[in-house]
Amino acid sequence: MTSATSTPVRTRRNLPWPIAFYQTAVGKKWVMAVTGIILLGFVLVHMVGNLKMYLGETDLNKYGVALREIGGDLVPHTSILWAVRSLLILAFVLHIHAAATLTAMNRKARPVGYKGGRHYVAANYAARTMRMTGVIVLLYLLFHLMDLTWGNANPNFVHGEPYHNVVESFSRAPVAVVYIIANILLGIHIYHGAWSMFQSLGWNNPRINAARRWFATAFAALIVIGNVSMPIAVLAGVVS
């Protein structure tokens, strides 16, 4: 008679530390916070670069060339740009996965709904709509890439001519309206993300909460005003 041998089950305890940590709610919150910081930095730098549109066609086009030539002759052409893109893609994937799995964990921990409906006492509008704005921002990002990077959503797209492409895109009123609405929702998402990432990292103290809220408000407002100004400027004929 032979005895069956069972394969040992890998538990969280004997998994590699990064994976084991990520499987916890705290780990997922940390990943969301760190990737959120990376994405906030990208959004800010991207907006500042695009504001060169107000300096004219030459400056914005030079900016586009400079992005592809970072590193000069020391590295292969566009290699650093693609390294940054790869980091951003990884940050997006981890941010979305952490948010989705953390939501699943929270629902599993409380499978029974709130009696009489959920009452949002402390949560504000930005927090309650975080998932909705996140999905819309993701869809907006895909359209933005199709419109101004890949060109398949912009009939008059010209490769290597960012100024021309921006003006052609925002000259279409429905597209400009989509950008304006999407950036307002992005601002709502950024506001709550910038506010909550400090708490996720353990920086939650009544002495700094006012500064946290000020930072979240100012950062979100800066991004919204900067990004929304561009389609409005094109529609108004300020940039042509």
C-alpha atoms as a PDB file:
ATOM      1  CA  MET A   1       0.000   0.000   0.000  1.00  0.00           C
ATOM      2  CA  THR A   2       1.449   3.319  -1.026  1.00  0.00           C
ATOM      3  CA  SER A   3       0.776   6.530   0.762  1.00  0.00           C
ATOM      4  CA  ALA A   4      -0.042   9.650  -1.217  1.00  0.00           C
ATOM      5  CA  THR A   5       2.251  12.565  -0.707  1.00  0.00           C
ATOM      6  CA  SER A   6       0.700  15.983  -0.633  1.00  0.00           C
ATOM      7  CA  THR A   7       2.277  19.009  -2.229  1.00  0.00           C
ATOM      8  CA  PRO A   8       2.926  21.685   0.370  1.00  0.00           C
ATOM      9  CA  VAL A   9       0.779  24.772  -0.049  1.00  0.00           C
ATOM     10  CA  ARG A  10       2.705  28.021  -0.431  1.00  0.00           C
ATOM     11  CA  THR A  11       1.372  30.356   2.180  1.00  0.00           C
ATOM     12  CA  ARG A  12       1.920  34.092   2.464  1.00  0.00           C
ATOM     13  CA  ARG A  13       4.554  33.416   5.106  1.00  0.00           C
ATOM     14  CA  ASN A  14       6.933  31.576   2.762  1.00  0.00           C
ATOM     15  CA  LEU A  15       6.388  33.757  -0.298  1.00  0.00           C
ATOM     16  CA  PRO A  16       9.104  36.294  -1.227  1.00  0.00           C
ATOM     17  CA  TRP A  17       8.727  39.409   0.905  1.00  0.00           C
ATOM     18  CA  PRO A  18       7.578  41.841  -1.850  1.00  0.00           C
ATOM     19  CA  ILE A  19       4.827  39.445  -2.996  1.00  0.00           C
ATOM     20  CA  ALA A  20       3.762  38.590   0.544  1.00  0.00           C
ATOM     21  CA  PHE A  21       3.622  42.283   1.454  1.00  0.00           C
ATOM     22  CA  TYR A  22       1.641  43.134  -1.681  1.00  0.00           C
ATOM     23  CA  GLN A  23      -0.975  40.511  -0.786  1.00  0.00           C
ATOM     24  CA  THR A  24      -1.867  42.487   2.334  1.00  0.00           C
ATOM     25  CA  ALA A  25      -4.165  45.517   2.375  1.00  0.00           C
ATOM     26  CA  VAL A  26      -1.334  47.663   3.710  1.00  0.00           C
ATOM     27  CA  GLY A  27       0.938  46.522   0.887  1.00  0.00           C
ATOM     28  CA  LYS A  28      -1.649  47.332  -1.753  1.00  0.00           C
ATOM     29  CA  LYS A  29      -2.165  50.796  -0.256  1.00  0.00           C
ATOM     30  CA  TRP A  30       1.578  51.387  -0.329  1.00  0.00           C
ATOM     31  CA  VAL A  31       1.758  50.320  -3.970  1.00  0.00           C
ATOM     32  CA  MET A  32      -1.143  52.623  -4.822  1.00  0.00           C
ATOM     33  CA  ALA A  33       0.570  55.502  -3.020  1.00  0.00           C
ATOM     34  CA  VAL A  34       4.019  54.998  -4.590  1.00  0.00           C
ATOM     35  CA  THR A  35       2.656  54.471  -8.109  1.00  0.00           C
ATOM     36  CA  GLY A  36       0.340  57.428  -7.520  1.00  0.00           C
ATOM     37  CA  ILE A  37       3.347  59.645  -6.781  1.00  0.00           C
ATOM     38  CA  ILE A  38       4.994  58.478 -10.020  1.00  0.00           C
ATOM     39  CA  LEU A  39       1.828  59.172 -12.014  1.00  0.00           C
ATOM     40  CA  LEU A  40       1.280  62.572 -10.390  1.00  0.00           C
ATOM     41  CA  GLY A  41       4.840  63.520 -11.307  1.00  0.00           C
ATOM     42  CA  PHE A  42       4.214  62.446 -14.893  1.00  0.00           C
ATOM     43  CA  VAL A  43       0.950  64.407 -15.125  1.00  0.00           C
ATOM     44  CA  LEU A  44       2.699  67.559 -13.880  1.00  0.00           C
ATOM     45  CA  VAL A  45       5.725  67.262 -16.186  1.00  0.00           C
ATOM     46  CA  HIS A  46       3.502  66.358 -19.147  1.00  0.00           C
ATOM     47  CA  MET A  47       1.319  69.418 -18.575  1.00  0.00           C
ATOM     48  CA  VAL A  48       4.291  71.786 -18.192  1.00  0.00           C
ATOM     49  CA  GLY A  49       5.797  70.476 -21.421  1.00  0.00           C
ATOM     50  CA  ASN A  50       2.533  70.856 -23.318  1.00  0.00           C
ATOM     51  CA  LEU A  51       2.173  74.459 -22.123  1.00  0.00           C
ATOM     52  CA  LYS A  52       5.002  75.264 -24.550  1.00  0.00           C
ATOM     53  CA  MET A  53       2.149  75.428 -27.024  1.00  0.00           C
ATOM     54  CA  TYR A  54       1.676  79.038 -25.883  1.00  0.00           C
ATOM     55  CA  LEU A  55       5.261  79.842 -26.927  1.00  0.00           C
ATOM     56  CA  GLY A  56       4.508  78.867 -30.492  1.00  0.00           C
ATOM     57  CA  GLU A  57       4.909  76.061 -32.989  1.00  0.00           C
ATOM     58  CA  THR A  58       8.712  76.020 -32.968  1.00  0.00           C
ATOM     59  CA  ASP A  59       9.034  75.641 -29.204  1.00  0.00           C
ATOM     60  CA  LEU A  60       6.478  72.845 -28.872  1.00  0.00           C
ATOM     61  CA  ASN A  61       7.936  70.919 -31.802  1.00  0.00           C
ATOM     62  CA  LYS A  62      11.446  71.290 -30.368  1.00  0.00           C
ATOM     63  CA  TYR A  63      10.133  69.919 -27.086  1.00  0.00           C
ATOM     64  CA  GLY A  64       8.795  66.856 -28.915  1.00  0.00           C
ATOM     65  CA  VAL A  65      12.174  66.291 -30.573  1.00  0.00           C
ATOM     66  CA  ALA A  66      13.999  66.770 -27.270  1.00  0.00           C
ATOM     67  CA  LEU A  67      11.946  64.013 -25.635  1.00  0.00           C
ATOM     68  CA  ARG A  68      13.053  61.556 -28.298  1.00  0.00           C
ATOM     69  CA  GLU A  69      16.672  62.651 -28.045  1.00  0.00           C
ATOM     70  CA  ILE A  70      17.149  62.517 -24.268  1.00  0.00           C
ATOM     71  CA  GLY A  71      20.650  61.214 -23.620  1.00  0.00           C
ATOM     72  CA  GLY A  72      21.977  62.466 -26.941  1.00  0.00           C
ATOM     73  CA  ASP A  73      24.569  60.253 -28.569  1.00  0.00           C
ATOM     74  CA  LEU A  74      25.315  58.396 -25.320  1.00  0.00           C
ATOM     75  CA  VAL A  75      22.328  56.064 -25.693  1.00  0.00           C
ATOM     76  CA  PRO A  76      20.283  54.653 -28.599  1.00  0.00           C
ATOM     77  CA  HIS A  77      17.677  57.015 -30.052  1.00  0.00           C
ATOM     78  CA  THR A  78      14.440  57.191 -27.967  1.00  0.00           C
ATOM     79  CA  SER A  79      15.776  54.552 -25.515  1.00  0.00           C
ATOM     80  CA  ILE A  80      15.372  56.740 -22.415  1.00  0.00           C
ATOM     81  CA  LEU A  81      11.943  57.868 -23.593  1.00  0.00           C
ATOM     82  CA  TRP A  82      10.886  54.220 -23.889  1.00  0.00           C
ATOM     83  CA  ALA A  83      12.389  53.450 -20.478  1.00  0.00           C
ATOM     84  CA  VAL A  84      10.228  56.200 -18.976  1.00  0.00           C
ATOM     85  CA  ARG A  85       7.194  54.926 -20.882  1.00  0.00           C
ATOM     86  CA  SER A  86       7.840  51.401 -19.565  1.00  0.00           C
ATOM     87  CA  LEU A  87       8.015  52.718 -15.993  1.00  0.00           C
ATOM     88  CA  LEU A  88       4.745  54.596 -16.476  1.00  0.00           C
ATOM     89  CA  ILE A  89       3.017  51.541 -17.958  1.00  0.00           C
ATOM     90  CA  LEU A  90       4.179  49.438 -15.005  1.00  0.00           C
ATOM     91  CA  ALA A  91       2.981  52.121 -12.587  1.00  0.00           C
ATOM     92  CA  PHE A  92      -0.429  52.269 -14.313  1.00  0.00           C
ATOM     93  CA  VAL A  93      -0.829  48.474 -14.244  1.00  0.00           C
ATOM     94  CA  LEU A  94       0.182  48.166 -10.579  1.00  0.00           C
ATOM     95  CA  HIS A  95      -1.977  51.146  -9.589  1.00  0.00           C
ATOM     96  CA  ILE A  96      -5.060  49.714 -11.280  1.00  0.00           C
ATOM     97  CA  HIS A  97      -4.435  46.163 -10.042  1.00  0.00           C
ATOM     98  CA  ALA A  98      -3.866  47.333  -6.468  1.00  0.00           C
ATOM     99  CA  ALA A  99      -7.058  49.406  -6.542  1.00  0.00           C
ATOM    100  CA  ALA A 100      -9.154  46.555  -7.974  1.00  0.00           C
ATOM    101  CA  THR A 101      -7.828  43.868  -5.625  1.00  0.00           C
ATOM    102  CA  LEU A 102      -8.080  46.156  -2.594  1.00  0.00           C
ATOM    103  CA  THR A 103     -11.723  46.805  -3.457  1.00  0.00           C
ATOM    104  CA  ALA A 104     -12.289  43.039  -3.736  1.00  0.00           C
ATOM    105  CA  MET A 105     -10.647  42.516  -0.337  1.00  0.00           C
ATOM    106  CA  ASN A 106     -12.868  45.153   1.255  1.00  0.00           C
ATOM    107  CA  ARG A 107     -16.018  43.600  -0.222  1.00  0.00           C
ATOM    108  CA  LYS A 108     -14.955  40.131   0.909  1.00  0.00           C
ATOM    109  CA  ALA A 109     -14.338  41.416   4.406  1.00  0.00           C
ATOM    110  CA  ARG A 110     -17.882  42.846   4.482  1.00  0.00           C
ATOM    111  CA  PRO A 111     -20.033  40.659   2.197  1.00  0.00           C
ATOM    112  CA  VAL A 112     -23.282  41.910   3.766  1.00  0.00           C
ATOM    113  CA  GLY A 113     -24.341  45.337   2.611  1.00  0.00           C
ATOM    114  CA  TYR A 114     -24.768  48.255   4.970  1.00  0.00           C
ATOM    115  CA  LYS A 115     -28.114  48.110   6.753  1.00  0.00           C
ATOM    116  CA  GLY A 116     -30.411  50.775   5.368  1.00  0.00           C
ATOM    117  CA  GLY A 117     -27.892  51.738   2.693  1.00  0.00           C
ATOM    118  CA  ARG A 118     -24.427  53.139   3.077  1.00  0.00           C
ATOM    119  CA  HIS A 119     -24.187  56.549   4.713  1.00  0.00           C
ATOM    120  CA  TYR A 120     -21.229  58.648   3.636  1.00  0.00           C
ATOM    121  CA  VAL A 121     -20.543  60.740   6.691  1.00  0.00           C
ATOM    122  CA  ALA A 122     -16.813  61.342   6.445  1.00  0.00           C
ATOM    123  CA  ALA A 123     -16.287  60.531   2.764  1.00  0.00           C
ATOM    124  CA  ASN A 124     -16.484  63.385   0.291  1.00  0.00           C
ATOM    125  CA  TYR A 125     -17.627  63.383  -3.334  1.00  0.00           C
ATOM    126  CA  ALA A 126     -14.118  62.788  -4.707  1.00  0.00           C
ATOM    127  CA  ALA A 127     -13.641  59.711  -2.509  1.00  0.00           C
ATOM    128  CA  ARG A 128     -17.049  58.239  -3.363  1.00  0.00           C
ATOM    129  CA  THR A 129     -16.457  58.583  -7.112  1.00  0.00           C
ATOM    130  CA  MET A 130     -12.820  57.412  -7.104  1.00  0.00           C
ATOM    131  CA  ARG A 131     -13.470  54.198  -9.048  1.00  0.00           C
ATOM    132  CA  MET A 132     -15.754  55.907 -11.571  1.00  0.00           C
ATOM    133  CA  THR A 133     -13.312  58.739 -12.277  1.00  0.00           C
ATOM    134  CA  GLY A 134     -10.469  56.206 -12.458  1.00  0.00           C
ATOM    135  CA  VAL A 135     -12.214  54.247 -15.211  1.00  0.00           C
ATOM    136  CA  ILE A 136     -13.094  57.412 -17.132  1.00  0.00           C
ATOM    137  CA  VAL A 137      -9.516  58.707 -16.828  1.00  0.00           C
ATOM    138  CA  LEU A 138      -8.220  55.380 -18.182  1.00  0.00           C
ATOM    139  CA  LEU A 139     -10.556  55.611 -21.189  1.00  0.00           C
ATOM    140  CA  TYR A 140      -9.521  59.245 -21.681  1.00  0.00           C
ATOM    141  CA  LEU A 141      -5.858  58.223 -21.636  1.00  0.00           C
ATOM    142  CA  LEU A 142      -6.460  55.642 -24.372  1.00  0.00           C
ATOM    143  CA  PHE A 143      -8.246  58.235 -26.512  1.00  0.00           C
ATOM    144  CA  HIS A 144      -5.494  60.786 -25.822  1.00  0.00           C
ATOM    145  CA  LEU A 145      -2.871  58.335 -27.101  1.00  0.00           C
ATOM    146  CA  MET A 146      -4.956  57.521 -30.173  1.00  0.00           C
ATOM    147  CA  ASP A 147      -5.501  61.217 -30.836  1.00  0.00           C
ATOM    148  CA  LEU A 148      -2.089  62.812 -30.252  1.00  0.00           C
ATOM    149  CA  THR A 149       0.477  59.983 -30.099  1.00  0.00           C
ATOM    150  CA  TRP A 150      -0.630  57.255 -32.504  1.00  0.00           C
ATOM    151  CA  GLY A 151      -2.801  59.520 -34.665  1.00  0.00           C
ATOM    152  CA  ASN A 152      -5.524  57.043 -35.590  1.00  0.00           C
ATOM    153  CA  ALA A 153      -8.198  59.215 -33.905  1.00  0.00           C
ATOM    154  CA  ASN A 154      -6.975  62.427 -35.532  1.00  0.00           C
ATOM    155  CA  PRO A 155      -7.752  62.638 -39.287  1.00  0.00           C
ATOM    156  CA  ASN A 156      -5.157  65.380 -39.836  1.00  0.00           C
ATOM    157  CA  PHE A 157      -2.386  63.835 -37.730  1.00  0.00           C
ATOM    158  CA  VAL A 158       1.194  64.474 -38.897  1.00  0.00           C
ATOM    159  CA  HIS A 159       3.961  62.443 -37.270  1.00  0.00           C
ATOM    160  CA  GLY A 160       6.580  64.613 -35.562  1.00  0.00           C
ATOM    161  CA  GLU A 161       4.417  67.762 -35.601  1.00  0.00           C
ATOM    162  CA  PRO A 162       2.897  68.019 -32.100  1.00  0.00           C
ATOM    163  CA  TYR A 163       1.817  71.663 -32.454  1.00  0.00           C
ATOM    164  CA  HIS A 164      -0.079  70.940 -35.656  1.00  0.00           C
ATOM    165  CA  ASN A 165      -1.677  67.845 -34.122  1.00  0.00           C
ATOM    166  CA  VAL A 166      -2.808  69.664 -30.961  1.00  0.00           C
ATOM    167  CA  VAL A 167      -4.369  72.522 -32.907  1.00  0.00           C
ATOM    168  CA  GLU A 168      -6.078  70.161 -35.354  1.00  0.00           C
ATOM    169  CA  SER A 169      -7.431  68.031 -32.507  1.00  0.00           C
ATOM    170  CA  PHE A 170      -8.732  70.851 -30.309  1.00  0.00           C
ATOM    171  CA  SER A 171     -10.223  72.667 -33.300  1.00  0.00           C
ATOM    172  CA  ARG A 172     -12.893  69.946 -33.275  1.00  0.00           C
ATOM    173  CA  ALA A 173     -15.383  71.211 -30.685  1.00  0.00           C
ATOM    174  CA  PRO A 174     -16.652  67.752 -29.572  1.00  0.00           C
ATOM    175  CA  VAL A 175     -13.071  66.584 -28.981  1.00  0.00           C
ATOM    176  CA  ALA A 176     -12.231  69.759 -27.054  1.00  0.00           C
ATOM    177  CA  VAL A 177     -15.311  69.263 -24.853  1.00  0.00           C
ATOM    178  CA  VAL A 178     -14.266  65.661 -24.162  1.00  0.00           C
ATOM    179  CA  TYR A 179     -10.811  66.880 -23.087  1.00  0.00           C
ATOM    180  CA  ILE A 180     -12.293  69.545 -20.822  1.00  0.00           C
ATOM    181  CA  ILE A 181     -14.719  67.161 -19.084  1.00  0.00           C
ATOM    182  CA  ALA A 182     -12.090  64.412 -18.802  1.00  0.00           C
ATOM    183  CA  ASN A 183      -9.593  66.786 -17.197  1.00  0.00           C
ATOM    184  CA  ILE A 184     -12.143  67.997 -14.666  1.00  0.00           C
ATOM    185  CA  LEU A 185     -12.750  64.367 -13.692  1.00  0.00           C
ATOM    186  CA  LEU A 186      -8.976  63.822 -13.654  1.00  0.00           C
ATOM    187  CA  GLY A 187      -8.737  66.712 -11.203  1.00  0.00           C
ATOM    188  CA  ILE A 188     -11.319  65.092  -8.920  1.00  0.00           C
ATOM    189  CA  HIS A 189      -9.387  61.816  -9.064  1.00  0.00           C
ATOM    190  CA  ILE A 190      -6.076  63.588  -8.412  1.00  0.00           C
ATOM    191  CA  TYR A 191      -7.527  65.525  -5.477  1.00  0.00           C
ATOM    192  CA  HIS A 192      -8.545  62.427  -3.575  1.00  0.00           C
ATOM    193  CA  GLY A 193      -5.443  60.499  -4.658  1.00  0.00           C
ATOM    194  CA  ALA A 194      -3.072  63.266  -3.539  1.00  0.00           C
ATOM    195  CA  TRP A 195      -4.948  63.537  -0.226  1.00  0.00           C
ATOM    196  CA  SER A 196      -5.135  59.823   0.537  1.00  0.00           C
ATOM    197  CA  MET A 197      -1.618  58.793  -0.555  1.00  0.00           C
ATOM    198  CA  PHE A 198      -0.136  60.420   2.560  1.00  0.00           C
ATOM    199  CA  GLN A 199      -2.494  58.406   4.744  1.00  0.00           C
ATOM    200  CA  SER A 200      -1.557  55.216   2.858  1.00  0.00           C
ATOM    201  CA  LEU A 201       2.102  55.906   3.631  1.00  0.00           C
ATOM    202  CA  GLY A 202       1.306  56.436   7.317  1.00  0.00           C
ATOM    203  CA  TRP A 203       1.581  60.221   7.254  1.00  0.00           C
ATOM    204  CA  ASN A 204      -1.732  60.905   8.955  1.00  0.00           C
ATOM    205  CA  ASN A 205      -1.465  63.481  11.688  1.00  0.00           C
ATOM    206  CA  PRO A 206      -3.882  66.268  12.648  1.00  0.00           C
ATOM    207  CA  ARG A 207      -0.959  68.708  12.595  1.00  0.00           C
ATOM    208  CA  ILE A 208      -0.318  68.143   8.873  1.00  0.00           C
ATOM    209  CA  ASN A 209      -3.827  67.312   7.626  1.00  0.00           C
ATOM    210  CA  ALA A 210      -4.529  70.934   6.718  1.00  0.00           C
ATOM    211  CA  ALA A 211      -1.332  71.026   4.646  1.00  0.00           C
ATOM    212  CA  ARG A 212      -2.303  67.706   3.013  1.00  0.00           C
ATOM    213  CA  ARG A 213      -5.658  69.104   1.967  1.00  0.00           C
ATOM    214  CA  TRP A 214      -4.084  72.321   0.714  1.00  0.00           C
ATOM    215  CA  PHE A 215      -1.572  70.375  -1.356  1.00  0.00           C
ATOM    216  CA  ALA A 216      -4.252  68.098  -2.830  1.00  0.00           C
ATOM    217  CA  THR A 217      -6.471  71.065  -3.717  1.00  0.00           C
ATOM    218  CA  ALA A 218      -3.665  73.171  -5.190  1.00  0.00           C
ATOM    219  CA  PHE A 219      -2.150  70.311  -7.208  1.00  0.00           C
ATOM    220  CA  ALA A 220      -5.490  69.216  -8.658  1.00  0.00           C
ATOM    221  CA  ALA A 221      -6.450  72.814  -9.488  1.00  0.00           C
ATOM    222  CA  LEU A 222      -3.099  73.426 -11.191  1.00  0.00           C
ATOM    223  CA  ILE A 223      -3.464  70.366 -13.414  1.00  0.00           C
ATOM    224  CA  VAL A 224      -7.075  71.105 -14.331  1.00  0.00           C
ATOM    225  CA  ILE A 225      -6.469  74.792 -15.111  1.00  0.00           C
ATOM    226  CA  GLY A 226      -3.342  74.075 -17.148  1.00  0.00           C
ATOM    227  CA  ASN A 227      -4.826  71.226 -19.186  1.00  0.00           C
ATOM    228  CA  VAL A 228      -8.259  72.775 -19.706  1.00  0.00           C
ATOM    229  CA  SER A 229      -6.748  76.072 -20.838  1.00  0.00           C
ATOM    230  CA  MET A 230      -5.290  74.451 -23.958  1.00  0.00           C
ATOM    231  CA  PRO A 231      -8.474  73.285 -25.739  1.00  0.00           C
ATOM    232  CA  ILE A 232     -10.179  76.506 -24.701  1.00  0.00           C
ATOM    233  CA  ALA A 233      -7.315  78.555 -26.182  1.00  0.00           C
ATOM    234  CA  VAL A 234      -7.543  76.712 -29.481  1.00  0.00           C
ATOM    235  CA  LEU A 235     -11.346  76.996 -29.665  1.00  0.00           C
ATOM    236  CA  ALA A 236     -11.117  80.713 -28.854  1.00  0.00           C
ATOM    237  CA  GLY A 237      -8.517  81.275 -31.582  1.00  0.00           C
ATOM    238  CA  VAL A 238      -5.812  82.355 -29.116  1.00  0.00           C
ATOM    239  CA  VAL A 239      -3.685  79.482 -30.434  1.00  0.00           C
ATOM    240  CA  SER A 240      -3.994  78.667 -34.111  1.00  0.00           C
END
